[in-house]
Amino acid sequence: MWLTIPVERYLKAFVDTLTMVGVSASIAVVAGIPLAVLLIVTAPGGFLASPRLYRMVGAIVNGFRATPFIVLLVALIPFTRLVAGTTIGVWAAIVPLAISATPFFARIAEVSLRDVDPGLIEAAQAMGCRKWHVVRHVLLPEALPGIIGGFTITVVALIGASAMAGAVGAGGLGDLAIRYGYQRFDTQVMLIVIAVLIALVSGVQATGDAFARRLKRR
């Protein structure tokens, strides 16, 4: 097949997208799970109930979730420059991607943690388990299939957001589609990028679903 741009550019854009999504998703997990646990244990009825703290953290999470990514991307430019030293490129895009994905994943993980049978928590407390042990050995293991499902959704959302970040020079497949597919009216580039993104999303979704089903069986 005759390509209008070298295959190396597709490969570089694909690697850039994987880098943005992979690093951002990792940050979202590391920060999102503790945030979800904090929301669960401080909620009314939680074993560390603190309504004021719960409302404050919840308001911050909801604020970031309610902000469209493209708006957040622009609003965080000063912070991105402070952290990454630049406002363009892959590593600059990771900052708003991670900040956007963390509260999104935290809310999904919170729902999974809330669905854990309260009887299991009460049984663990009756056996003398400390609160940290309840979280570590009851809440998180029982909610893990749902958390994996939520992480899969988060990664899929990050793939879409990373493509959107290409509009402001972040690199990756989105940047390739805009610069060559849209601005140069190259339909071939646009179609190839769309096909790669569909394949990537389908692969991530299938892998996450299979992993979650395996954990449920266990």
N, C-alpha and C. Protein backbone atom coordinates (compact mmCIF):
# COMPACT_ATOMS: atom_id res chain seq x y z
N MET A 1 0.84 -1.21 0.00
CA MET A 1 0.00 0.00 0.00
C MET A 1 0.87 1.26 0.00
N TRP A 2 0.52 2.24 -0.85
CA TRP A 2 1.27 3.47 -0.93
C TRP A 2 0.80 4.43 0.15
N LEU A 3 1.73 4.89 0.98
CA LEU A 3 1.39 5.79 2.08
C LEU A 3 1.82 7.21 1.76
N THR A 4 1.01 8.17 2.15
CA THR A 4 1.33 9.56 1.87
C THR A 4 2.36 10.12 2.84
N ILE A 5 2.53 9.51 4.01
CA ILE A 5 3.60 9.88 4.94
C ILE A 5 4.32 8.61 5.38
N PRO A 6 5.59 8.71 5.76
CA PRO A 6 6.36 7.50 6.12
C PRO A 6 5.75 6.75 7.29
N VAL A 7 5.93 5.44 7.28
CA VAL A 7 5.38 4.61 8.36
C VAL A 7 6.04 4.93 9.70
N GLU A 8 7.27 5.46 9.64
CA GLU A 8 7.97 5.81 10.88
C GLU A 8 7.21 6.87 11.68
N ARG A 9 6.51 7.75 10.98
CA ARG A 9 5.75 8.78 11.70
C ARG A 9 4.55 8.18 12.41
N TYR A 10 3.95 7.19 11.80
CA TYR A 10 2.85 6.48 12.46
C TYR A 10 3.36 5.77 13.72
N LEU A 11 4.52 5.12 13.58
CA LEU A 11 5.08 4.39 14.72
C LEU A 11 5.44 5.33 15.86
N LYS A 12 6.06 6.47 15.53
CA LYS A 12 6.43 7.44 16.57
C LYS A 12 5.18 7.99 17.25
N ALA A 13 4.16 8.30 16.45
CA ALA A 13 2.91 8.82 17.03
C ALA A 13 2.25 7.77 17.92
N PHE A 14 2.31 6.51 17.51
CA PHE A 14 1.73 5.43 18.31
C PHE A 14 2.47 5.28 19.64
N VAL A 15 3.80 5.32 19.59
CA VAL A 15 4.60 5.21 20.82
C VAL A 15 4.33 6.40 21.73
N ASP A 16 4.23 7.59 21.15
CA ASP A 16 3.93 8.79 21.95
C ASP A 16 2.58 8.65 22.66
N THR A 17 1.59 8.13 21.94
CA THR A 17 0.27 7.93 22.55
C THR A 17 0.34 6.91 23.68
N LEU A 18 1.05 5.81 23.45
CA LEU A 18 1.20 4.80 24.50
C LEU A 18 1.91 5.39 25.73
N THR A 19 2.90 6.24 25.51
CA THR A 19 3.62 6.86 26.62
C THR A 19 2.69 7.76 27.42
N MET A 20 1.96 8.62 26.72
CA MET A 20 1.04 9.53 27.42
C MET A 20 -0.01 8.76 28.21
N VAL A 21 -0.61 7.77 27.58
CA VAL A 21 -1.67 7.01 28.24
C VAL A 21 -1.11 6.16 29.38
N GLY A 22 0.02 5.49 29.14
CA GLY A 22 0.59 4.60 30.15
C GLY A 22 1.02 5.33 31.40
N VAL A 23 1.74 6.43 31.24
CA VAL A 23 2.22 7.18 32.41
C VAL A 23 1.05 7.83 33.14
N SER A 24 0.12 8.43 32.39
CA SER A 24 -1.04 9.08 33.02
C SER A 24 -1.90 8.08 33.76
N ALA A 25 -2.12 6.90 33.17
CA ALA A 25 -2.93 5.87 33.82
C ALA A 25 -2.25 5.38 35.10
N SER A 26 -0.93 5.24 35.06
CA SER A 26 -0.20 4.80 36.26
C SER A 26 -0.35 5.81 37.40
N ILE A 27 -0.23 7.10 37.06
CA ILE A 27 -0.41 8.14 38.07
C ILE A 27 -1.83 8.13 38.62
N ALA A 28 -2.80 7.92 37.72
CA ALA A 28 -4.21 7.89 38.14
C ALA A 28 -4.47 6.77 39.12
N VAL A 29 -3.86 5.61 38.91
CA VAL A 29 -4.03 4.48 39.83
C VAL A 29 -3.38 4.77 41.18
N VAL A 30 -2.14 5.24 41.15
CA VAL A 30 -1.40 5.49 42.38
C VAL A 30 -2.10 6.56 43.23
N ALA A 31 -2.64 7.59 42.60
CA ALA A 31 -3.31 8.65 43.34
C ALA A 31 -4.80 8.39 43.53
N GLY A 32 -5.42 7.71 42.57
CA GLY A 32 -6.86 7.54 42.60
C GLY A 32 -7.36 6.55 43.64
N ILE A 33 -6.65 5.44 43.83
CA ILE A 33 -7.10 4.44 44.81
C ILE A 33 -7.07 5.00 46.23
N PRO A 34 -5.98 5.64 46.69
CA PRO A 34 -6.03 6.25 48.02
C PRO A 34 -7.13 7.30 48.14
N LEU A 35 -7.37 8.05 47.06
CA LEU A 35 -8.43 9.06 47.09
C LEU A 35 -9.79 8.40 47.23
N ALA A 36 -10.00 7.29 46.54
CA ALA A 36 -11.27 6.56 46.64
C ALA A 36 -11.45 5.99 48.05
N VAL A 37 -10.39 5.44 48.60
CA VAL A 37 -10.46 4.91 49.97
C VAL A 37 -10.78 6.02 50.96
N LEU A 38 -10.15 7.19 50.77
CA LEU A 38 -10.42 8.32 51.65
C LEU A 38 -11.89 8.72 51.58
N LEU A 39 -12.46 8.73 50.38
CA LEU A 39 -13.87 9.08 50.22
C LEU A 39 -14.78 8.06 50.90
N ILE A 40 -14.41 6.79 50.84
CA ILE A 40 -15.23 5.73 51.43
C ILE A 40 -15.19 5.78 52.96
N VAL A 41 -14.00 5.88 53.52
CA VAL A 41 -13.89 5.79 54.98
C VAL A 41 -14.35 7.06 55.68
N THR A 42 -14.33 8.21 54.99
CA THR A 42 -14.76 9.46 55.63
C THR A 42 -16.22 9.80 55.32
N ALA A 43 -16.86 9.01 54.48
CA ALA A 43 -18.27 9.26 54.15
C ALA A 43 -19.15 9.01 55.37
N PRO A 44 -20.32 9.63 55.42
CA PRO A 44 -21.24 9.34 56.54
C PRO A 44 -21.51 7.85 56.65
N GLY A 45 -21.28 7.29 57.82
CA GLY A 45 -21.42 5.86 58.02
C GLY A 45 -20.14 5.09 57.87
N GLY A 46 -19.08 5.72 57.36
CA GLY A 46 -17.78 5.07 57.24
C GLY A 46 -17.12 4.92 58.59
N PHE A 47 -16.12 4.04 58.68
CA PHE A 47 -15.53 3.80 60.00
C PHE A 47 -14.53 4.89 60.41
N LEU A 48 -14.32 5.88 59.55
CA LEU A 48 -13.58 7.09 59.94
C LEU A 48 -14.39 8.30 59.50
N ALA A 49 -15.68 8.25 59.75
CA ALA A 49 -16.60 9.27 59.23
C ALA A 49 -16.15 10.68 59.59
N SER A 50 -16.08 11.52 58.56
CA SER A 50 -15.74 12.93 58.74
C SER A 50 -16.46 13.70 57.64
N PRO A 51 -17.72 14.05 57.88
CA PRO A 51 -18.54 14.69 56.85
C PRO A 51 -17.89 15.92 56.23
N ARG A 52 -17.23 16.72 57.03
CA ARG A 52 -16.61 17.94 56.50
C ARG A 52 -15.50 17.60 55.51
N LEU A 53 -14.62 16.66 55.88
CA LEU A 53 -13.54 16.25 54.99
C LEU A 53 -14.09 15.59 53.74
N TYR A 54 -15.12 14.77 53.92
CA TYR A 54 -15.74 14.08 52.78
C TYR A 54 -16.31 15.09 51.79
N ARG A 55 -17.01 16.09 52.29
CA ARG A 55 -17.60 17.11 51.41
C ARG A 55 -16.52 17.91 50.69
N MET A 56 -15.44 18.22 51.39
CA MET A 56 -14.37 19.02 50.80
C MET A 56 -13.68 18.24 49.68
N VAL A 57 -13.29 17.00 49.99
CA VAL A 57 -12.62 16.18 48.97
C VAL A 57 -13.56 15.89 47.81
N GLY A 58 -14.82 15.59 48.13
CA GLY A 58 -15.80 15.32 47.09
C GLY A 58 -16.00 16.51 46.18
N ALA A 59 -16.01 17.71 46.73
CA ALA A 59 -16.19 18.92 45.92
C ALA A 59 -15.01 19.12 44.97
N ILE A 60 -13.80 18.86 45.46
CA ILE A 60 -12.62 18.99 44.60
C ILE A 60 -12.66 17.97 43.47
N VAL A 61 -12.99 16.74 43.81
CA VAL A 61 -13.08 15.69 42.79
C VAL A 61 -14.15 16.02 41.76
N ASN A 62 -15.30 16.45 42.22
CA ASN A 62 -16.38 16.79 41.29
C ASN A 62 -16.03 17.98 40.41
N GLY A 63 -15.28 18.92 40.98
CA GLY A 63 -14.88 20.09 40.21
C GLY A 63 -14.00 19.73 39.04
N PHE A 64 -13.02 18.87 39.27
CA PHE A 64 -12.14 18.44 38.18
C PHE A 64 -12.89 17.57 37.18
N ARG A 65 -13.79 16.73 37.67
CA ARG A 65 -14.55 15.86 36.76
C ARG A 65 -15.50 16.67 35.88
N ALA A 66 -16.02 17.76 36.41
CA ALA A 66 -16.99 18.55 35.66
C ALA A 66 -16.33 19.44 34.60
N THR A 67 -15.02 19.64 34.70
CA THR A 67 -14.32 20.51 33.76
C THR A 67 -13.97 19.75 32.49
N PRO A 68 -14.42 20.20 31.34
CA PRO A 68 -14.05 19.52 30.08
C PRO A 68 -12.53 19.46 29.94
N PHE A 69 -12.03 18.37 29.36
CA PHE A 69 -10.59 18.18 29.31
C PHE A 69 -9.89 19.30 28.55
N ILE A 70 -10.45 19.74 27.44
CA ILE A 70 -9.78 20.77 26.65
C ILE A 70 -9.67 22.07 27.44
N VAL A 71 -10.67 22.37 28.30
CA VAL A 71 -10.62 23.56 29.15
C VAL A 71 -9.56 23.37 30.23
N LEU A 72 -9.54 22.18 30.83
CA LEU A 72 -8.55 21.88 31.87
C LEU A 72 -7.14 21.95 31.29
N LEU A 73 -6.99 21.47 30.07
CA LEU A 73 -5.69 21.48 29.40
C LEU A 73 -5.13 22.89 29.31
N VAL A 74 -5.99 23.83 28.93
CA VAL A 74 -5.58 25.23 28.80
C VAL A 74 -5.38 25.87 30.17
N ALA A 75 -6.30 25.60 31.11
CA ALA A 75 -6.23 26.22 32.43
C ALA A 75 -4.97 25.81 33.19
N LEU A 76 -4.48 24.60 32.92
CA LEU A 76 -3.32 24.09 33.65
C LEU A 76 -1.99 24.43 32.99
N ILE A 77 -2.00 25.28 31.96
CA ILE A 77 -0.76 25.61 31.25
C ILE A 77 0.32 26.14 32.19
N PRO A 78 0.02 27.09 33.10
CA PRO A 78 1.08 27.56 34.01
C PRO A 78 1.63 26.44 34.90
N PHE A 79 0.72 25.60 35.41
CA PHE A 79 1.17 24.49 36.26
C PHE A 79 1.97 23.48 35.45
N THR A 80 1.53 23.21 34.22
CA THR A 80 2.25 22.28 33.35
C THR A 80 3.66 22.79 33.07
N ARG A 81 3.78 24.09 32.80
CA ARG A 81 5.10 24.67 32.55
C ARG A 81 5.99 24.55 33.78
N LEU A 82 5.40 24.72 34.96
CA LEU A 82 6.16 24.62 36.21
C LEU A 82 6.66 23.19 36.43
N VAL A 83 5.81 22.19 36.14
CA VAL A 83 6.17 20.80 36.40
C VAL A 83 7.06 20.22 35.31
N ALA A 84 6.65 20.42 34.04
CA ALA A 84 7.35 19.78 32.93
C ALA A 84 8.38 20.67 32.26
N GLY A 85 8.35 21.97 32.55
CA GLY A 85 9.30 22.88 31.93
C GLY A 85 8.91 23.32 30.54
N THR A 86 7.78 22.83 30.04
CA THR A 86 7.30 23.17 28.71
C THR A 86 5.79 22.95 28.68
N THR A 87 5.15 23.47 27.65
CA THR A 87 3.70 23.29 27.51
C THR A 87 3.35 22.51 26.25
N ILE A 88 4.35 22.02 25.54
CA ILE A 88 4.10 21.21 24.35
C ILE A 88 4.88 19.91 24.46
N GLY A 89 4.42 18.91 23.73
CA GLY A 89 5.10 17.62 23.74
C GLY A 89 4.42 16.60 24.64
N VAL A 90 4.94 15.40 24.59
CA VAL A 90 4.34 14.27 25.30
C VAL A 90 4.32 14.48 26.80
N TRP A 91 5.44 14.87 27.38
CA TRP A 91 5.53 14.96 28.83
C TRP A 91 4.72 16.13 29.38
N ALA A 92 4.56 17.17 28.58
CA ALA A 92 3.70 18.28 29.00
C ALA A 92 2.24 17.83 29.02
N ALA A 93 1.85 16.97 28.07
CA ALA A 93 0.47 16.49 28.02
C ALA A 93 0.13 15.56 29.17
N ILE A 94 1.14 14.88 29.69
CA ILE A 94 0.90 13.92 30.77
C ILE A 94 0.36 14.62 32.02
N VAL A 95 0.78 15.84 32.26
CA VAL A 95 0.34 16.56 33.47
C VAL A 95 -1.18 16.75 33.49
N PRO A 96 -1.78 17.39 32.49
CA PRO A 96 -3.25 17.53 32.53
C PRO A 96 -3.98 16.20 32.35
N LEU A 97 -3.40 15.27 31.60
CA LEU A 97 -4.04 13.96 31.44
C LEU A 97 -4.16 13.25 32.79
N ALA A 98 -3.07 13.26 33.56
CA ALA A 98 -3.09 12.59 34.86
C ALA A 98 -4.03 13.29 35.84
N ILE A 99 -4.03 14.63 35.82
CA ILE A 99 -4.90 15.38 36.72
C ILE A 99 -6.35 15.16 36.36
N SER A 100 -6.64 15.02 35.09
CA SER A 100 -8.02 14.76 34.65
C SER A 100 -8.46 13.34 34.97
N ALA A 101 -7.56 12.38 34.80
CA ALA A 101 -7.92 10.96 34.97
C ALA A 101 -8.04 10.55 36.42
N THR A 102 -7.27 11.17 37.31
CA THR A 102 -7.26 10.75 38.72
C THR A 102 -8.63 10.86 39.39
N PRO A 103 -9.30 12.00 39.37
CA PRO A 103 -10.63 12.06 40.00
C PRO A 103 -11.66 11.19 39.29
N PHE A 104 -11.51 11.06 37.97
CA PHE A 104 -12.42 10.19 37.21
C PHE A 104 -12.31 8.75 37.70
N PHE A 105 -11.07 8.26 37.82
CA PHE A 105 -10.85 6.89 38.28
C PHE A 105 -11.22 6.75 39.75
N ALA A 106 -10.96 7.79 40.55
CA ALA A 106 -11.27 7.72 41.98
C ALA A 106 -12.76 7.52 42.21
N ARG A 107 -13.60 8.19 41.46
CA ARG A 107 -15.04 8.03 41.63
C ARG A 107 -15.49 6.63 41.23
N ILE A 108 -14.92 6.09 40.15
CA ILE A 108 -15.28 4.73 39.74
C ILE A 108 -14.85 3.72 40.80
N ALA A 109 -13.62 3.90 41.32
CA ALA A 109 -13.13 3.00 42.36
C ALA A 109 -13.96 3.14 43.62
N GLU A 110 -14.42 4.35 43.92
CA GLU A 110 -15.26 4.57 45.10
C GLU A 110 -16.55 3.76 45.00
N VAL A 111 -17.15 3.74 43.82
CA VAL A 111 -18.38 2.97 43.63
C VAL A 111 -18.12 1.49 43.87
N SER A 112 -17.01 0.97 43.37
CA SER A 112 -16.67 -0.44 43.56
C SER A 112 -16.44 -0.75 45.03
N LEU A 113 -15.77 0.15 45.74
CA LEU A 113 -15.52 -0.06 47.18
C LEU A 113 -16.82 0.01 47.98
N ARG A 114 -17.73 0.88 47.56
CA ARG A 114 -18.99 1.01 48.27
C ARG A 114 -19.87 -0.23 48.10
N ASP A 115 -19.68 -0.95 47.01
CA ASP A 115 -20.49 -2.14 46.75
C ASP A 115 -20.03 -3.38 47.53
N VAL A 116 -18.92 -3.28 48.25
CA VAL A 116 -18.46 -4.41 49.05
C VAL A 116 -19.47 -4.68 50.16
N ASP A 117 -19.78 -5.94 50.38
CA ASP A 117 -20.77 -6.34 51.38
C ASP A 117 -20.38 -5.81 52.77
N PRO A 118 -21.22 -4.98 53.38
CA PRO A 118 -20.91 -4.45 54.72
C PRO A 118 -20.71 -5.55 55.75
N GLY A 119 -21.34 -6.71 55.53
CA GLY A 119 -21.18 -7.81 56.48
C GLY A 119 -19.74 -8.29 56.56
N LEU A 120 -19.01 -8.23 55.45
CA LEU A 120 -17.61 -8.64 55.46
C LEU A 120 -16.78 -7.68 56.31
N ILE A 121 -17.09 -6.40 56.21
CA ILE A 121 -16.36 -5.40 57.00
C ILE A 121 -16.66 -5.59 58.48
N GLU A 122 -17.94 -5.81 58.80
CA GLU A 122 -18.32 -6.01 60.21
C GLU A 122 -17.68 -7.26 60.77
N ALA A 123 -17.60 -8.33 59.96
CA ALA A 123 -16.97 -9.57 60.42
C ALA A 123 -15.49 -9.36 60.71
N ALA A 124 -14.82 -8.62 59.83
CA ALA A 124 -13.40 -8.35 60.03
C ALA A 124 -13.18 -7.52 61.28
N GLN A 125 -14.04 -6.53 61.51
CA GLN A 125 -13.91 -5.71 62.71
C GLN A 125 -14.20 -6.52 63.96
N ALA A 126 -15.15 -7.45 63.88
CA ALA A 126 -15.48 -8.30 65.02
C ALA A 126 -14.33 -9.21 65.40
N MET A 127 -13.52 -9.57 64.39
CA MET A 127 -12.35 -10.42 64.66
C MET A 127 -11.15 -9.63 65.15
N GLY A 128 -11.34 -8.33 65.31
CA GLY A 128 -10.27 -7.50 65.87
C GLY A 128 -9.34 -6.89 64.85
N CYS A 129 -9.72 -6.91 63.57
CA CYS A 129 -8.86 -6.32 62.54
C CYS A 129 -8.81 -4.79 62.72
N ARG A 130 -7.63 -4.26 62.53
CA ARG A 130 -7.50 -2.81 62.56
C ARG A 130 -8.09 -2.22 61.29
N LYS A 131 -8.35 -0.92 61.37
CA LYS A 131 -9.01 -0.26 60.24
C LYS A 131 -8.18 -0.37 58.96
N TRP A 132 -6.86 -0.23 59.08
CA TRP A 132 -6.01 -0.37 57.90
C TRP A 132 -6.09 -1.78 57.34
N HIS A 133 -6.15 -2.79 58.22
CA HIS A 133 -6.25 -4.17 57.77
C HIS A 133 -7.59 -4.43 57.06
N VAL A 134 -8.64 -3.78 57.53
CA VAL A 134 -9.93 -3.92 56.87
C VAL A 134 -9.85 -3.40 55.43
N VAL A 135 -9.20 -2.24 55.27
CA VAL A 135 -9.04 -1.67 53.93
C VAL A 135 -8.16 -2.57 53.07
N ARG A 136 -7.04 -3.01 53.64
CA ARG A 136 -6.04 -3.77 52.88
C ARG A 136 -6.51 -5.17 52.55
N HIS A 137 -7.19 -5.84 53.49
CA HIS A 137 -7.48 -7.27 53.31
C HIS A 137 -8.96 -7.57 53.01
N VAL A 138 -9.82 -6.58 53.12
CA VAL A 138 -11.24 -6.81 52.83
C VAL A 138 -11.73 -5.90 51.71
N LEU A 139 -11.67 -4.60 51.92
CA LEU A 139 -12.23 -3.65 50.96
C LEU A 139 -11.58 -3.78 49.58
N LEU A 140 -10.26 -3.63 49.53
CA LEU A 140 -9.57 -3.62 48.24
C LEU A 140 -9.66 -4.96 47.50
N PRO A 141 -9.41 -6.10 48.16
CA PRO A 141 -9.52 -7.37 47.43
C PRO A 141 -10.93 -7.65 46.91
N GLU A 142 -11.95 -7.33 47.71
CA GLU A 142 -13.31 -7.59 47.28
C GLU A 142 -13.75 -6.67 46.14
N ALA A 143 -13.22 -5.46 46.13
CA ALA A 143 -13.60 -4.50 45.10
C ALA A 143 -12.71 -4.57 43.86
N LEU A 144 -11.69 -5.42 43.89
CA LEU A 144 -10.68 -5.43 42.82
C LEU A 144 -11.25 -5.65 41.42
N PRO A 145 -12.17 -6.60 41.21
CA PRO A 145 -12.73 -6.74 39.84
C PRO A 145 -13.37 -5.47 39.33
N GLY A 146 -14.13 -4.79 40.19
CA GLY A 146 -14.75 -3.53 39.79
C GLY A 146 -13.72 -2.44 39.55
N ILE A 147 -12.67 -2.43 40.36
CA ILE A 147 -11.60 -1.44 40.17
C ILE A 147 -10.89 -1.66 38.84
N ILE A 148 -10.66 -2.93 38.50
CA ILE A 148 -10.03 -3.24 37.21
C ILE A 148 -10.93 -2.78 36.07
N GLY A 149 -12.23 -3.03 36.20
CA GLY A 149 -13.16 -2.55 35.18
C GLY A 149 -13.14 -1.04 35.06
N GLY A 150 -13.07 -0.35 36.20
CA GLY A 150 -13.00 1.10 36.19
C GLY A 150 -11.70 1.61 35.60
N PHE A 151 -10.61 0.89 35.87
CA PHE A 151 -9.32 1.28 35.29
C PHE A 151 -9.35 1.14 33.78
N THR A 152 -10.02 0.09 33.29
CA THR A 152 -10.14 -0.10 31.84
C THR A 152 -10.88 1.08 31.21
N ILE A 153 -11.98 1.50 31.84
CA ILE A 153 -12.72 2.66 31.34
C ILE A 153 -11.85 3.91 31.36
N THR A 154 -11.05 4.05 32.42
CA THR A 154 -10.18 5.22 32.53
C THR A 154 -9.14 5.24 31.42
N VAL A 155 -8.55 4.09 31.12
CA VAL A 155 -7.55 4.02 30.05
C VAL A 155 -8.17 4.37 28.70
N VAL A 156 -9.37 3.85 28.45
CA VAL A 156 -10.07 4.16 27.20
C VAL A 156 -10.33 5.67 27.11
N ALA A 157 -10.76 6.27 28.21
CA ALA A 157 -10.98 7.72 28.22
C ALA A 157 -9.69 8.48 27.99
N LEU A 158 -8.58 7.98 28.53
CA LEU A 158 -7.29 8.63 28.34
C LEU A 158 -6.84 8.57 26.89
N ILE A 159 -7.15 7.48 26.22
CA ILE A 159 -6.79 7.38 24.80
C ILE A 159 -7.49 8.48 24.01
N GLY A 160 -8.78 8.68 24.29
CA GLY A 160 -9.51 9.76 23.63
C GLY A 160 -8.97 11.12 24.00
N ALA A 161 -8.64 11.33 25.27
CA ALA A 161 -8.13 12.62 25.73
C ALA A 161 -6.75 12.90 25.14
N SER A 162 -5.92 11.85 25.01
CA SER A 162 -4.58 12.04 24.44
C SER A 162 -4.68 12.46 22.97
N ALA A 163 -5.67 11.93 22.27
CA ALA A 163 -5.89 12.36 20.88
C ALA A 163 -6.32 13.82 20.84
N MET A 164 -7.16 14.23 21.81
CA MET A 164 -7.60 15.62 21.90
C MET A 164 -6.43 16.55 22.21
N ALA A 165 -5.50 16.05 23.04
CA ALA A 165 -4.34 16.87 23.41
C ALA A 165 -3.45 17.16 22.21
N GLY A 166 -3.58 16.35 21.16
CA GLY A 166 -2.81 16.61 19.94
C GLY A 166 -3.16 17.93 19.31
N ALA A 167 -4.33 18.48 19.64
CA ALA A 167 -4.75 19.76 19.08
C ALA A 167 -3.87 20.91 19.57
N VAL A 168 -3.18 20.73 20.69
CA VAL A 168 -2.33 21.79 21.22
C VAL A 168 -0.86 21.38 21.22
N GLY A 169 -0.51 20.49 20.30
CA GLY A 169 0.89 20.14 20.11
C GLY A 169 1.44 19.11 21.07
N ALA A 170 0.58 18.23 21.57
CA ALA A 170 1.05 17.22 22.52
C ALA A 170 1.76 16.06 21.84
N GLY A 171 1.57 15.92 20.54
CA GLY A 171 2.14 14.76 19.85
C GLY A 171 1.17 13.60 19.88
N GLY A 172 1.62 12.46 19.39
CA GLY A 172 0.77 11.28 19.40
C GLY A 172 -0.11 11.19 18.17
N LEU A 173 -1.03 10.24 18.19
CA LEU A 173 -1.90 9.99 17.03
C LEU A 173 -2.83 11.16 16.75
N GLY A 174 -3.29 11.83 17.80
CA GLY A 174 -4.18 12.98 17.60
C GLY A 174 -3.48 14.10 16.86
N ASP A 175 -2.24 14.37 17.22
CA ASP A 175 -1.46 15.40 16.55
C ASP A 175 -1.25 15.04 15.08
N LEU A 176 -0.98 13.76 14.83
CA LEU A 176 -0.78 13.30 13.45
C LEU A 176 -2.05 13.49 12.63
N ALA A 177 -3.19 13.13 13.22
CA ALA A 177 -4.46 13.26 12.50
C ALA A 177 -4.79 14.72 12.21
N ILE A 178 -4.49 15.62 13.14
CA ILE A 178 -4.81 17.04 12.94
C ILE A 178 -3.87 17.69 11.94
N ARG A 179 -2.56 17.46 12.11
CA ARG A 179 -1.59 18.15 11.26
C ARG A 179 -1.60 17.63 9.83
N TYR A 180 -1.72 16.31 9.67
CA TYR A 180 -1.65 15.73 8.33
C TYR A 180 -3.02 15.37 7.78
N GLY A 181 -3.89 14.85 8.64
CA GLY A 181 -5.19 14.44 8.14
C GLY A 181 -6.15 15.59 7.93
N TYR A 182 -6.21 16.51 8.91
CA TYR A 182 -7.18 17.61 8.84
C TYR A 182 -6.62 18.83 8.10
N GLN A 183 -5.46 19.32 8.57
CA GLN A 183 -4.92 20.55 8.00
C GLN A 183 -4.45 20.38 6.56
N ARG A 184 -4.01 19.17 6.20
CA ARG A 184 -3.55 18.93 4.82
C ARG A 184 -4.58 18.15 4.00
N PHE A 185 -5.75 17.96 4.57
CA PHE A 185 -6.85 17.28 3.87
C PHE A 185 -6.43 15.90 3.35
N ASP A 186 -5.66 15.17 4.19
CA ASP A 186 -5.19 13.84 3.80
C ASP A 186 -6.12 12.80 4.45
N THR A 187 -7.09 12.34 3.69
CA THR A 187 -8.07 11.39 4.22
C THR A 187 -7.43 10.08 4.64
N GLN A 188 -6.38 9.68 3.93
CA GLN A 188 -5.73 8.41 4.24
C GLN A 188 -5.16 8.42 5.66
N VAL A 189 -4.48 9.50 6.03
CA VAL A 189 -3.92 9.62 7.37
C VAL A 189 -5.03 9.56 8.41
N MET A 190 -6.09 10.29 8.17
CA MET A 190 -7.21 10.32 9.11
C MET A 190 -7.80 8.93 9.32
N LEU A 191 -8.00 8.21 8.23
CA LEU A 191 -8.59 6.88 8.34
C LEU A 191 -7.66 5.90 9.05
N ILE A 192 -6.37 5.99 8.77
CA ILE A 192 -5.41 5.09 9.42
C ILE A 192 -5.36 5.36 10.92
N VAL A 193 -5.33 6.64 11.30
CA VAL A 193 -5.30 6.99 12.73
C VAL A 193 -6.57 6.51 13.43
N ILE A 194 -7.71 6.70 12.80
CA ILE A 194 -8.97 6.24 13.38
C ILE A 194 -8.95 4.73 13.57
N ALA A 195 -8.45 4.00 12.56
CA ALA A 195 -8.39 2.54 12.64
C ALA A 195 -7.47 2.09 13.77
N VAL A 196 -6.32 2.77 13.93
CA VAL A 196 -5.38 2.41 14.99
C VAL A 196 -6.00 2.69 16.36
N LEU A 197 -6.68 3.82 16.50
CA LEU A 197 -7.31 4.15 17.78
C LEU A 197 -8.41 3.16 18.13
N ILE A 198 -9.20 2.75 17.14
CA ILE A 198 -10.26 1.77 17.38
C ILE A 198 -9.65 0.44 17.82
N ALA A 199 -8.58 0.03 17.14
CA ALA A 199 -7.91 -1.23 17.50
C ALA A 199 -7.32 -1.14 18.90
N LEU A 200 -6.74 0.00 19.24
CA LEU A 200 -6.13 0.18 20.56
C LEU A 200 -7.19 0.13 21.66
N VAL A 201 -8.29 0.85 21.46
CA VAL A 201 -9.37 0.86 22.45
C VAL A 201 -9.97 -0.54 22.59
N SER A 202 -10.19 -1.23 21.47
CA SER A 202 -10.76 -2.58 21.52
C SER A 202 -9.85 -3.54 22.27
N GLY A 203 -8.54 -3.42 22.03
CA GLY A 203 -7.59 -4.29 22.72
C GLY A 203 -7.56 -4.03 24.21
N VAL A 204 -7.56 -2.76 24.60
CA VAL A 204 -7.57 -2.41 26.02
C VAL A 204 -8.84 -2.90 26.70
N GLN A 205 -9.99 -2.69 26.04
CA GLN A 205 -11.27 -3.10 26.63
C GLN A 205 -11.34 -4.61 26.78
N ALA A 206 -10.92 -5.34 25.76
CA ALA A 206 -10.97 -6.81 25.83
C ALA A 206 -10.04 -7.34 26.91
N THR A 207 -8.85 -6.76 27.03
CA THR A 207 -7.89 -7.20 28.05
C THR A 207 -8.42 -6.93 29.44
N GLY A 208 -8.94 -5.72 29.65
CA GLY A 208 -9.48 -5.37 30.96
C GLY A 208 -10.67 -6.23 31.35
N ASP A 209 -11.58 -6.48 30.40
CA ASP A 209 -12.75 -7.33 30.68
C ASP A 209 -12.33 -8.75 31.05
N ALA A 210 -11.35 -9.28 30.32
CA ALA A 210 -10.89 -10.65 30.58
C ALA A 210 -10.25 -10.74 31.97
N PHE A 211 -9.46 -9.75 32.31
CA PHE A 211 -8.80 -9.74 33.61
C PHE A 211 -9.83 -9.63 34.74
N ALA A 212 -10.84 -8.77 34.56
CA ALA A 212 -11.87 -8.60 35.58
C ALA A 212 -12.67 -9.89 35.77
N ARG A 213 -12.99 -10.56 34.65
CA ARG A 213 -13.74 -11.84 34.76
C ARG A 213 -12.91 -12.90 35.48
N ARG A 214 -11.64 -12.91 35.22
CA ARG A 214 -10.76 -13.89 35.88
C ARG A 214 -10.72 -13.65 37.38
N LEU A 215 -10.65 -12.39 37.79
CA LEU A 215 -10.64 -12.08 39.22
C LEU A 215 -11.97 -12.44 39.88
N LYS A 216 -13.08 -12.25 39.18
CA LYS A 216 -14.39 -12.60 39.74
C LYS A 216 -14.49 -14.09 39.99
N ARG A 217 -13.96 -14.88 39.06
CA ARG A 217 -14.01 -16.35 39.24
C ARG A 217 -13.22 -16.79 40.45
N ARG A 218 -12.15 -16.06 40.73
CA ARG A 218 -11.34 -16.42 41.90
C ARG A 218 -12.05 -16.06 43.20
